[in-house]
Amino acid sequence: MNNVAKKIAAFIVTVVSVMHFSFHDLSAQGWWKKVASCIVRNPFNKNFLLHNPLKPLTKIVQGPNVFVPIDPIDFKEGIYQDNFYAVQTGALYRSRMLPADTLAAYVKQYGIKTIINLCGKDPGQTWWRNEKAVADRHNVVLLDIPTSADTLTSKENIKSILDAFDHAPRPLLVHCFLGIDRTGEVAALWKLDQQGAGKTEALKELSVWHRHNKKQYPAKSFLIKIWRGREWFYNEYDPQNYPQFCSKNGTKRD
C-alpha cells in the first residue's frame, strides 16, 4: 500500500472512530461546541446574511427577530427565534406565533394590516387572546384559518386564504405555531398566485432554511407541486383525491 492509500485509509478510520463517539459527550467536554459555534455563528450571523449576496431564499428583515446562540446538538432550534421573514416586502411577511409585545413591535415597524392565524380561533388560550388584543389595539384584521401540518389543506380553507390574498388589507403577516410548514405552504401559494413565480421558486418557502422537513410533512410541498392555478383549484381540487394526505387524526401543530 503506497503512502497516499495509507493516508486515505487512516483518514477513513479516524472519521469512523469519531462517529462512534457520543456528540453529547463531546458537547459536554466543550470541544464540539467550540468547533460548531465557529461554523454556526459565522455563516448564519444575521448581519452577514443581510449584506451577503448569497443570503437565504427569503429576505431577512430588521426588527426584534434575532439570531439565537445554540447548542449545536439541536441546530434546528437555533437560527432566528421569531422566524420572521419577508415573502414579498410590503405585502406579505411570515413568522412563528409571537408574544404580544414582539407581535406589536412588528405590526408597528412593518405597518401590518392583517394577521392570518393558521392555528385557528382559540379563545380559551392566552396566546390567542393576546394576539386578538394586539390586533384590536392596532386596528389590524385578524383572520383565523385553521390548517394542518400533516394533511392537505381543505378546499374551504384555501378559498379563505386566497380571499385574504385578494381582499385583506396589506401588508399581511401569516403565522402558525413555529412558522415552518403551514406558514411555508401559504407563503409558497402567495409566490405562485400573487407573484407568478414558478414552483421551484415557491418551494423555497418550504426549504430546509425555514426548518421544513418534507419527509415529516410531505403534504405541504405536495400541494405546491400539484397546483395548477385558480381555475384548476376551483374546478378540480379535492383533498379526498389524495387519500395518502388525508387524516382523521386532527390538526398537528408544525
Protein backbone atom coordinates (compact mmCIF):
# COMPACT_ATOMS: atom_id res chain seq x y z
CA MET A 1 0.00 0.00 0.00
CA ASN A 2 1.50 3.33 -1.03
CA ASN A 3 1.62 6.42 1.16
CA VAL A 4 -1.47 8.04 -0.41
CA ALA A 5 -3.56 4.92 0.14
CA LYS A 6 -2.33 4.68 3.72
CA LYS A 7 -3.30 8.28 4.40
CA ILE A 8 -6.77 7.75 2.91
CA ALA A 9 -7.23 4.59 4.97
CA ALA A 10 -6.10 6.37 8.12
CA PHE A 11 -8.48 9.24 7.42
CA ILE A 12 -11.44 6.87 6.96
CA VAL A 13 -10.59 5.02 10.18
CA THR A 14 -10.36 8.32 12.04
CA VAL A 15 -13.73 9.54 10.73
CA VAL A 16 -15.45 6.26 11.58
CA SER A 17 -13.92 6.29 15.04
CA VAL A 18 -15.08 9.84 15.72
CA MET A 19 -18.59 8.93 14.56
CA HIS A 20 -18.74 6.33 17.31
CA PHE A 21 -18.29 8.99 19.98
CA SER A 22 -21.36 10.50 21.57
CA PHE A 23 -21.84 14.01 20.27
CA HIS A 24 -23.45 14.79 23.61
CA ASP A 25 -20.26 13.74 25.38
CA LEU A 26 -18.19 15.86 23.03
CA SER A 27 -20.53 18.77 23.64
CA ALA A 28 -20.24 18.30 27.40
CA GLN A 29 -16.46 18.41 27.07
CA GLY A 30 -16.74 21.72 25.25
CA TRP A 31 -14.71 20.66 22.22
CA TRP A 32 -17.64 20.17 19.85
CA LYS A 33 -19.33 23.36 20.99
CA LYS A 34 -16.26 25.41 20.16
CA VAL A 35 -15.92 23.89 16.70
CA ALA A 36 -19.64 24.07 15.92
CA SER A 37 -20.06 27.61 17.21
CA CYS A 38 -17.39 28.75 14.77
CA ILE A 39 -19.29 27.06 11.95
CA VAL A 40 -22.75 28.12 13.09
CA ARG A 41 -22.28 31.66 14.29
CA ASN A 42 -20.38 32.98 11.29
CA PRO A 43 -22.28 31.85 8.16
CA PHE A 44 -25.65 32.19 9.89
CA ASN A 45 -24.95 35.52 11.51
CA LYS A 46 -27.78 37.93 10.73
CA ASN A 47 -25.57 40.88 9.75
CA PHE A 48 -23.60 38.63 7.42
CA LEU A 49 -26.77 37.42 5.73
CA LEU A 50 -28.23 40.89 5.37
CA HIS A 51 -25.22 42.08 3.38
CA ASN A 52 -24.10 38.92 1.63
CA PRO A 53 -25.24 38.31 -1.98
CA LEU A 54 -25.68 34.63 -1.15
CA LYS A 55 -28.20 35.38 1.60
CA PRO A 56 -31.10 32.96 2.21
CA LEU A 57 -34.06 32.33 -0.01
CA THR A 58 -36.41 34.77 1.68
CA LYS A 59 -35.37 38.19 2.87
CA ILE A 60 -34.26 38.57 6.47
CA VAL A 61 -35.63 41.82 7.82
CA GLN A 62 -34.58 44.16 10.59
CA GLY A 63 -36.54 44.05 13.82
CA PRO A 64 -36.88 42.04 17.02
CA ASN A 65 -36.02 38.87 15.08
CA VAL A 66 -32.59 37.98 16.47
CA PHE A 67 -30.08 35.22 15.99
CA VAL A 68 -30.13 32.86 18.93
CA PRO A 69 -26.88 31.21 20.10
CA ILE A 70 -27.48 27.49 20.17
CA ASP A 71 -26.17 24.19 21.35
CA PRO A 72 -25.09 22.61 18.04
CA ILE A 73 -26.62 19.31 19.09
CA ASP A 74 -30.04 20.89 18.50
CA PHE A 75 -29.16 23.04 15.49
CA LYS A 76 -32.71 23.19 14.10
CA GLU A 77 -33.89 25.24 17.08
CA GLY A 78 -31.27 27.92 16.80
CA ILE A 79 -31.50 30.21 13.81
CA TYR A 80 -33.95 33.09 14.31
CA GLN A 81 -36.24 32.99 17.28
CA ASP A 82 -39.22 34.72 15.62
CA ASN A 83 -38.86 33.06 12.21
CA PHE A 84 -39.83 36.45 10.77
CA TYR A 85 -39.11 36.94 7.08
CA ALA A 86 -40.37 38.98 4.17
CA VAL A 87 -42.00 36.84 1.49
CA GLN A 88 -42.74 39.97 -0.54
CA THR A 89 -41.58 43.20 1.05
CA GLY A 90 -44.51 45.46 1.86
CA ALA A 91 -47.07 42.79 1.02
CA LEU A 92 -46.58 39.51 2.91
CA TYR A 93 -44.47 38.55 5.90
CA ARG A 94 -44.19 35.23 7.70
CA SER A 95 -43.36 34.26 11.27
CA ARG A 96 -44.00 31.87 14.11
CA MET A 97 -46.59 32.52 16.81
CA LEU A 98 -45.25 35.63 18.55
CA PRO A 99 -45.51 37.00 22.10
CA ALA A 100 -47.79 40.03 22.32
CA ASP A 101 -45.03 42.63 22.72
CA THR A 102 -42.98 41.17 19.86
CA LEU A 103 -46.05 40.98 17.59
CA ALA A 104 -46.87 44.61 18.41
CA ALA A 105 -43.31 45.63 17.51
CA TYR A 106 -43.55 44.00 14.08
CA VAL A 107 -47.00 45.46 13.49
CA LYS A 108 -45.63 48.94 14.16
CA GLN A 109 -42.37 48.52 12.27
CA TYR A 110 -43.84 46.98 9.12
CA GLY A 111 -47.30 48.50 9.18
CA ILE A 112 -49.02 45.12 9.32
CA LYS A 113 -52.71 45.48 8.48
CA THR A 114 -53.82 41.81 8.51
CA ILE A 115 -52.77 38.76 10.51
CA ILE A 116 -53.57 35.30 9.13
CA ASN A 117 -53.52 32.87 12.03
CA LEU A 118 -53.24 29.30 10.75
CA CYS A 119 -53.69 27.79 14.22
CA GLY A 120 -57.36 28.76 14.24
CA LYS A 121 -59.50 30.70 16.68
CA ASP A 122 -58.97 29.55 20.26
CA PRO A 123 -60.37 32.00 22.85
CA GLY A 124 -59.52 29.55 25.60
CA GLN A 125 -55.80 30.05 25.00
CA THR A 126 -53.83 33.01 26.33
CA TRP A 127 -51.80 33.34 23.13
CA TRP A 128 -54.96 33.84 21.06
CA ARG A 129 -56.44 36.39 23.45
CA ASN A 130 -53.15 38.30 23.44
CA GLU A 131 -52.97 38.23 19.65
CA LYS A 132 -56.57 39.44 19.39
CA ALA A 133 -55.82 42.24 21.84
CA VAL A 134 -52.80 43.38 19.81
CA ALA A 135 -54.84 43.27 16.60
CA ASP A 136 -57.68 45.28 18.15
CA ARG A 137 -55.32 47.82 19.68
CA HIS A 138 -53.58 48.47 16.36
CA ASN A 139 -56.67 48.19 14.11
CA VAL A 140 -55.33 45.04 12.46
CA VAL A 141 -57.66 42.50 10.84
CA LEU A 142 -57.28 39.05 12.43
CA LEU A 143 -58.23 36.09 10.24
CA ASP A 144 -58.36 32.69 11.96
CA ILE A 145 -57.95 29.93 9.37
CA PRO A 146 -57.16 26.55 10.99
CA THR A 147 -54.91 24.30 8.90
CA SER A 148 -52.96 21.10 9.50
CA ALA A 149 -49.26 20.44 9.02
CA ASP A 150 -49.67 16.78 8.14
CA THR A 151 -52.69 16.84 5.81
CA LEU A 152 -53.74 18.64 2.65
CA THR A 153 -55.46 21.92 3.42
CA SER A 154 -59.21 21.80 2.89
CA LYS A 155 -60.73 23.49 -0.13
CA GLU A 156 -62.72 25.79 2.15
CA ASN A 157 -59.63 27.00 3.97
CA ILE A 158 -57.62 27.53 0.79
CA LYS A 159 -60.54 29.61 -0.51
CA SER A 160 -60.31 31.70 2.65
CA ILE A 161 -56.56 32.12 2.16
CA LEU A 162 -56.96 33.15 -1.48
CA ASP A 163 -59.72 35.57 -0.48
CA ALA A 164 -57.35 37.10 2.06
CA PHE A 165 -54.71 37.45 -0.67
CA ASP A 166 -57.21 39.35 -2.81
CA HIS A 167 -59.09 41.48 -0.32
CA ALA A 168 -57.38 41.71 3.08
CA PRO A 169 -55.57 44.99 3.82
CA ARG A 170 -51.83 44.79 3.18
CA PRO A 171 -49.22 44.11 4.41
CA LEU A 172 -50.25 40.72 5.73
CA LEU A 173 -48.49 38.60 8.33
CA VAL A 174 -49.10 34.84 8.22
CA HIS A 175 -48.13 32.52 11.06
CA CYS A 176 -48.78 29.10 12.54
CA PHE A 177 -47.15 27.72 15.68
CA LEU A 178 -43.49 27.64 14.64
CA GLY A 179 -43.82 29.34 11.25
CA ILE A 180 -42.44 26.35 9.38
CA ASP A 181 -44.81 24.06 7.49
CA ARG A 182 -48.30 25.58 7.40
CA THR A 183 -46.83 29.05 7.11
CA GLY A 184 -44.46 27.86 4.40
CA GLU A 185 -47.36 26.44 2.43
CA VAL A 186 -49.23 29.76 2.46
CA ALA A 187 -46.06 31.66 1.58
CA ALA A 188 -45.46 29.30 -1.35
CA LEU A 189 -49.06 29.75 -2.52
CA TRP A 190 -48.52 33.50 -2.41
CA LYS A 191 -45.48 33.14 -4.63
CA LEU A 192 -47.47 31.12 -7.18
CA ASP A 193 -50.74 33.03 -7.04
CA GLN A 194 -49.71 36.62 -6.37
CA GLN A 195 -46.22 36.85 -7.85
CA GLY A 196 -46.49 34.41 -10.73
CA ALA A 197 -43.42 32.53 -9.54
CA GLY A 198 -42.57 29.05 -10.71
CA LYS A 199 -42.86 26.04 -8.45
CA THR A 200 -39.12 25.81 -7.84
CA GLU A 201 -39.10 29.37 -6.52
CA ALA A 202 -42.28 28.84 -4.50
CA LEU A 203 -40.93 25.69 -2.87
CA LYS A 204 -38.09 27.70 -1.41
CA GLU A 205 -40.63 28.81 1.19
CA LEU A 206 -40.73 25.14 2.25
CA SER A 207 -36.99 24.71 2.40
CA VAL A 208 -34.51 23.44 4.95
CA TRP A 209 -33.58 27.07 5.59
CA HIS A 210 -37.03 27.55 7.13
CA ARG A 211 -36.55 24.25 9.02
CA HIS A 212 -39.18 22.47 6.91
CA ASN A 213 -38.93 18.68 6.95
CA LYS A 214 -40.56 17.47 3.74
CA LYS A 215 -40.32 13.84 4.81
CA GLN A 216 -42.22 14.50 8.02
CA TYR A 217 -44.81 16.82 6.46
CA PRO A 218 -44.95 15.95 2.74
CA ALA A 219 -48.49 17.26 2.22
CA LYS A 220 -47.33 20.87 2.29
CA SER A 221 -44.95 20.66 -0.66
CA PHE A 222 -47.25 18.19 -2.44
CA LEU A 223 -49.96 20.85 -2.71
CA ILE A 224 -47.49 23.27 -4.29
CA LYS A 225 -46.28 20.61 -6.73
CA ILE A 226 -49.80 19.77 -7.97
CA TRP A 227 -51.03 23.39 -8.02
CA ARG A 228 -52.17 24.44 -11.49
CA GLY A 229 -53.77 27.80 -10.83
CA ARG A 230 -57.09 29.03 -9.56
CA GLU A 231 -59.23 27.56 -12.31
CA TRP A 232 -57.83 24.11 -11.51
CA PHE A 233 -58.31 24.76 -7.82
CA TYR A 234 -61.95 25.83 -8.05
CA ASN A 235 -62.94 23.12 -10.53
CA GLU A 236 -60.77 20.12 -9.68
CA TYR A 237 -59.02 20.34 -6.34
CA ASP A 238 -60.33 17.87 -3.77
CA PRO A 239 -58.13 16.58 -0.92
CA GLN A 240 -60.10 13.31 -0.95
CA ASN A 241 -58.48 12.52 -4.29
CA TYR A 242 -55.20 12.13 -2.40
CA PRO A 243 -56.01 9.75 0.48
CA GLN A 244 -52.34 9.44 1.44
CA PHE A 245 -52.52 13.04 2.65
CA CYS A 246 -55.89 12.88 4.34
CA SER A 247 -56.24 12.14 8.03
CA LYS A 248 -58.93 11.97 10.67
CA ASN A 249 -56.45 12.35 13.49
CA GLY A 250 -56.98 16.07 13.92
CA THR A 251 -54.66 19.01 13.43
CA LYS A 252 -50.99 18.83 14.20
CA ARG A 253 -49.03 21.88 15.10
CA ASP A 254 -45.93 22.44 13.00
